[in-house]
C-alpha atoms as a PDB file:
ATOM      1  CA  MET A   1       0.000   0.000   0.000  1.00  0.00           C
ATOM      2  CA  GLU A   2       2.980   2.334   0.286  1.00  0.00           C
ATOM      3  CA  THR A   3       2.469   5.523  -1.639  1.00  0.00           C
ATOM      4  CA  ASN A   4       5.379   7.343  -3.186  1.00  0.00           C
ATOM      5  CA  TYR A   5       5.580  10.940  -2.040  1.00  0.00           C
ATOM      6  CA  ASN A   6       9.387  11.099  -2.243  1.00  0.00           C
ATOM      7  CA  ASN A   7       9.362  14.443  -4.015  1.00  0.00           C
ATOM      8  CA  GLN A   8       6.458  16.052  -2.185  1.00  0.00           C
ATOM      9  CA  ARG A   9       7.389  18.341   0.670  1.00  0.00           C
ATOM     10  CA  ILE A  10       5.713  20.668   3.099  1.00  0.00           C
ATOM     11  CA  ALA A  11       7.185  23.667   4.842  1.00  0.00           C
ATOM     12  CA  VAL A  12       6.354  24.266   8.489  1.00  0.00           C
ATOM     13  CA  ARG A  13       7.361  27.186  10.638  1.00  0.00           C
ATOM     14  CA  THR A  14       9.030  26.357  13.938  1.00  0.00           C
ATOM     15  CA  GLN A  15      10.360  28.532  16.712  1.00  0.00           C
ATOM     16  CA  THR A  16      13.792  28.602  15.067  1.00  0.00           C
ATOM     17  CA  GLY A  17      12.754  29.053  11.447  1.00  0.00           C
ATOM     18  CA  LEU A  18      11.273  27.118   8.558  1.00  0.00           C
ATOM     19  CA  ASN A  19      11.566  23.327   8.214  1.00  0.00           C
ATOM     20  CA  VAL A  20      10.988  21.645   4.867  1.00  0.00           C
ATOM     21  CA  LEU A  21       9.824  18.065   5.383  1.00  0.00           C
ATOM     22  CA  ASN A  22       9.465  15.240   2.918  1.00  0.00           C
ATOM     23  CA  ILE A  23       5.946  13.803   3.283  1.00  0.00           C
ATOM     24  CA  ASN A  24       7.307  10.230   3.475  1.00  0.00           C
ATOM     25  CA  THR A  25       9.411  11.038   6.548  1.00  0.00           C
ATOM     26  CA  ILE A  26       6.408  11.927   8.728  1.00  0.00           C
ATOM     27  CA  ILE A  27       5.278   8.980  10.876  1.00  0.00           C
ATOM     28  CA  TYR A  28       2.568  10.778  12.836  1.00  0.00           C
ATOM     29  CA  CYS A  29       1.485  14.108  14.251  1.00  0.00           C
ATOM     30  CA  LYS A  30       0.248  14.741  17.774  1.00  0.00           C
ATOM     31  CA  GLY A  31      -1.857  17.762  18.638  1.00  0.00           C
ATOM     32  CA  GLU A  32      -1.473  19.359  22.062  1.00  0.00           C
ATOM     33  CA  GLY A  33      -3.462  22.541  22.405  1.00  0.00           C
ATOM     34  CA  ARG A  34      -2.183  25.144  19.948  1.00  0.00           C
ATOM     35  CA  TYR A  35       0.913  23.079  19.112  1.00  0.00           C
ATOM     36  CA  THR A  36       1.527  20.065  16.918  1.00  0.00           C
ATOM     37  CA  PHE A  37       4.414  17.656  17.398  1.00  0.00           C
ATOM     38  CA  ILE A  38       5.506  16.087  14.109  1.00  0.00           C
ATOM     39  CA  TYR A  39       7.333  12.791  14.601  1.00  0.00           C
ATOM     40  CA  LEU A  40       9.772  11.800  11.869  1.00  0.00           C
ATOM     41  CA  ASN A  41      11.322   8.505  10.790  1.00  0.00           C
ATOM     42  CA  ASN A  42      14.789   9.613  11.945  1.00  0.00           C
ATOM     43  CA  ASN A  43      13.717   9.408  15.636  1.00  0.00           C
ATOM     44  CA  LYS A  44      13.361  13.197  15.842  1.00  0.00           C
ATOM     45  CA  HIS A  45      10.365  15.439  16.181  1.00  0.00           C
ATOM     46  CA  ILE A  46       9.625  19.072  15.578  1.00  0.00           C
ATOM     47  CA  VAL A  47       7.122  21.371  17.240  1.00  0.00           C
ATOM     48  CA  VAL A  48       5.014  23.781  15.232  1.00  0.00           C
ATOM     49  CA  ALA A  49       2.678  26.478  16.536  1.00  0.00           C
ATOM     50  CA  LYS A  50      -0.289  25.250  14.517  1.00  0.00           C
ATOM     51  CA  LEU A  51      -3.366  23.238  15.344  1.00  0.00           C
ATOM     52  CA  LEU A  52      -3.406  19.611  14.258  1.00  0.00           C
ATOM     53  CA  LYS A  53      -6.318  20.359  11.923  1.00  0.00           C
ATOM     54  CA  ASP A  54      -4.166  22.932  10.096  1.00  0.00           C
ATOM     55  CA  ILE A  55      -1.423  20.357   9.549  1.00  0.00           C
ATOM     56  CA  GLU A  56      -4.049  17.839   8.420  1.00  0.00           C
ATOM     57  CA  LEU A  57      -5.171  20.232   5.670  1.00  0.00           C
ATOM     58  CA  VAL A  58      -1.746  20.281   3.978  1.00  0.00           C
ATOM     59  CA  LEU A  59      -1.029  16.546   4.094  1.00  0.00           C
ATOM     60  CA  PRO A  60      -2.350  14.121   1.441  1.00  0.00           C
ATOM     61  CA  LEU A  61      -5.534  12.388   2.605  1.00  0.00           C
ATOM     62  CA  ASP A  62      -4.717   9.174   0.782  1.00  0.00           C
ATOM     63  CA  ILE A  63      -1.885   8.348   3.211  1.00  0.00           C
ATOM     64  CA  PHE A  64      -2.680  10.419   6.315  1.00  0.00           C
ATOM     65  CA  TYR A  65      -5.658   9.645   8.524  1.00  0.00           C
ATOM     66  CA  ARG A  66      -6.933  11.228  11.736  1.00  0.00           C
ATOM     67  CA  ILE A  67      -7.360   8.286  14.114  1.00  0.00           C
ATOM     68  CA  HIS A  68      -8.181  10.358  17.186  1.00  0.00           C
ATOM     69  CA  LYS A  69      -8.753  14.017  18.017  1.00  0.00           C
ATOM     70  CA  SER A  70      -5.065  14.210  18.986  1.00  0.00           C
ATOM     71  CA  TYR A  71      -3.428  11.969  16.374  1.00  0.00           C
ATOM     72  CA  LEU A  72      -2.892  12.043  12.629  1.00  0.00           C
ATOM     73  CA  ILE A  73      -0.943   9.077  11.263  1.00  0.00           C
ATOM     74  CA  ASN A  74       0.823   8.141   8.056  1.00  0.00           C
ATOM     75  CA  LEU A  75      -0.877   4.891   6.997  1.00  0.00           C
ATOM     76  CA  ASP A  76       2.354   3.672   5.407  1.00  0.00           C
ATOM     77  CA  TYR A  77       3.819   3.351   8.921  1.00  0.00           C
ATOM     78  CA  VAL A  78       1.042   1.180  10.394  1.00  0.00           C
ATOM     79  CA  LYS A  79       2.524  -2.056  11.708  1.00  0.00           C
ATOM     80  CA  GLU A  80      -0.322  -3.605  13.703  1.00  0.00           C
ATOM     81  CA  LEU A  81      -3.889  -3.051  14.861  1.00  0.00           C
ATOM     82  CA  ASN A  82      -4.927  -4.430  18.240  1.00  0.00           C
ATOM     83  CA  VAL A  83      -8.680  -5.022  18.196  1.00  0.00           C
ATOM     84  CA  LEU A  84      -9.083  -6.232  21.763  1.00  0.00           C
ATOM     85  CA  LYS A  85     -10.691  -4.157  24.532  1.00  0.00           C
ATOM     86  CA  GLU A  86      -9.089  -0.815  23.678  1.00  0.00           C
ATOM     87  CA  LYS A  87      -8.305  -0.457  19.985  1.00  0.00           C
ATOM     88  CA  THR A  88      -4.693   0.600  19.504  1.00  0.00           C
ATOM     89  CA  ILE A  89      -2.494   1.039  16.479  1.00  0.00           C
ATOM     90  CA  THR A  90       1.182   0.173  16.612  1.00  0.00           C
ATOM     91  CA  LEU A  91       3.371   2.082  14.189  1.00  0.00           C
ATOM     92  CA  LYS A  92       6.630   0.830  12.670  1.00  0.00           C
ATOM     93  CA  ASP A  93       8.614   2.803  15.287  1.00  0.00           C
ATOM     94  CA  ASP A  94       6.670   0.833  17.975  1.00  0.00           C
ATOM     95  CA  THR A  95       4.606   3.842  19.046  1.00  0.00           C
ATOM     96  CA  LYS A  96       1.157   2.757  20.254  1.00  0.00           C
ATOM     97  CA  LEU A  97      -1.746   5.137  19.659  1.00  0.00           C
ATOM     98  CA  LYS A  98      -5.430   4.898  20.559  1.00  0.00           C
ATOM     99  CA  LEU A  99      -7.954   4.570  17.750  1.00  0.00           C
ATOM    100  CA  ALA A 100     -11.139   6.535  18.492  1.00  0.00           C
ATOM    101  CA  CYS A 101     -14.354   4.492  18.250  1.00  0.00           C
ATOM    102  CA  ARG A 102     -16.030   6.821  15.787  1.00  0.00           C
ATOM    103  CA  ARG A 103     -13.011   6.729  13.463  1.00  0.00           C
ATOM    104  CA  GLN A 104     -12.732   2.931  13.292  1.00  0.00           C
ATOM    105  CA  PRO A 105     -14.995   2.153  10.301  1.00  0.00           C
ATOM    106  CA  MET A 106     -13.220   4.571   7.967  1.00  0.00           C
ATOM    107  CA  PHE A 107      -9.799   3.495   9.265  1.00  0.00           C
ATOM    108  CA  TYR A 108     -10.570  -0.114   8.345  1.00  0.00           C
ATOM    109  CA  LYS A 109     -11.612   0.981   4.841  1.00  0.00           C
ATOM    110  CA  LYS A 110      -8.431   3.018   4.435  1.00  0.00           C
ATOM    111  CA  LEU A 111      -6.243   0.046   5.379  1.00  0.00           C
ATOM    112  CA  LEU A 112      -7.853  -2.354   2.930  1.00  0.00           C
END
């Protein structure tokens, strides 16, 4: 299912300047209030002073999906889905994130 966005980039403003990120390097984004933490595949993260919904608007919807009010993930990095009591998604970097109940049906469609 991997989608090739090797040449597509986004620019995000941080406290120290402007970061240009390749879409494929973003594993997931976590919203915390007025800030979004963007986690990258090089074990680093950056903080931007934007809402998660603003970041969601600039990322391609075919590979990014909002699994929870606080999390936006790159579907290419999904490793495992735990469907027991609390639904959790494990990403390739072994991060575990909660899948919101109301977002489950569309998430399943996106994965298939």
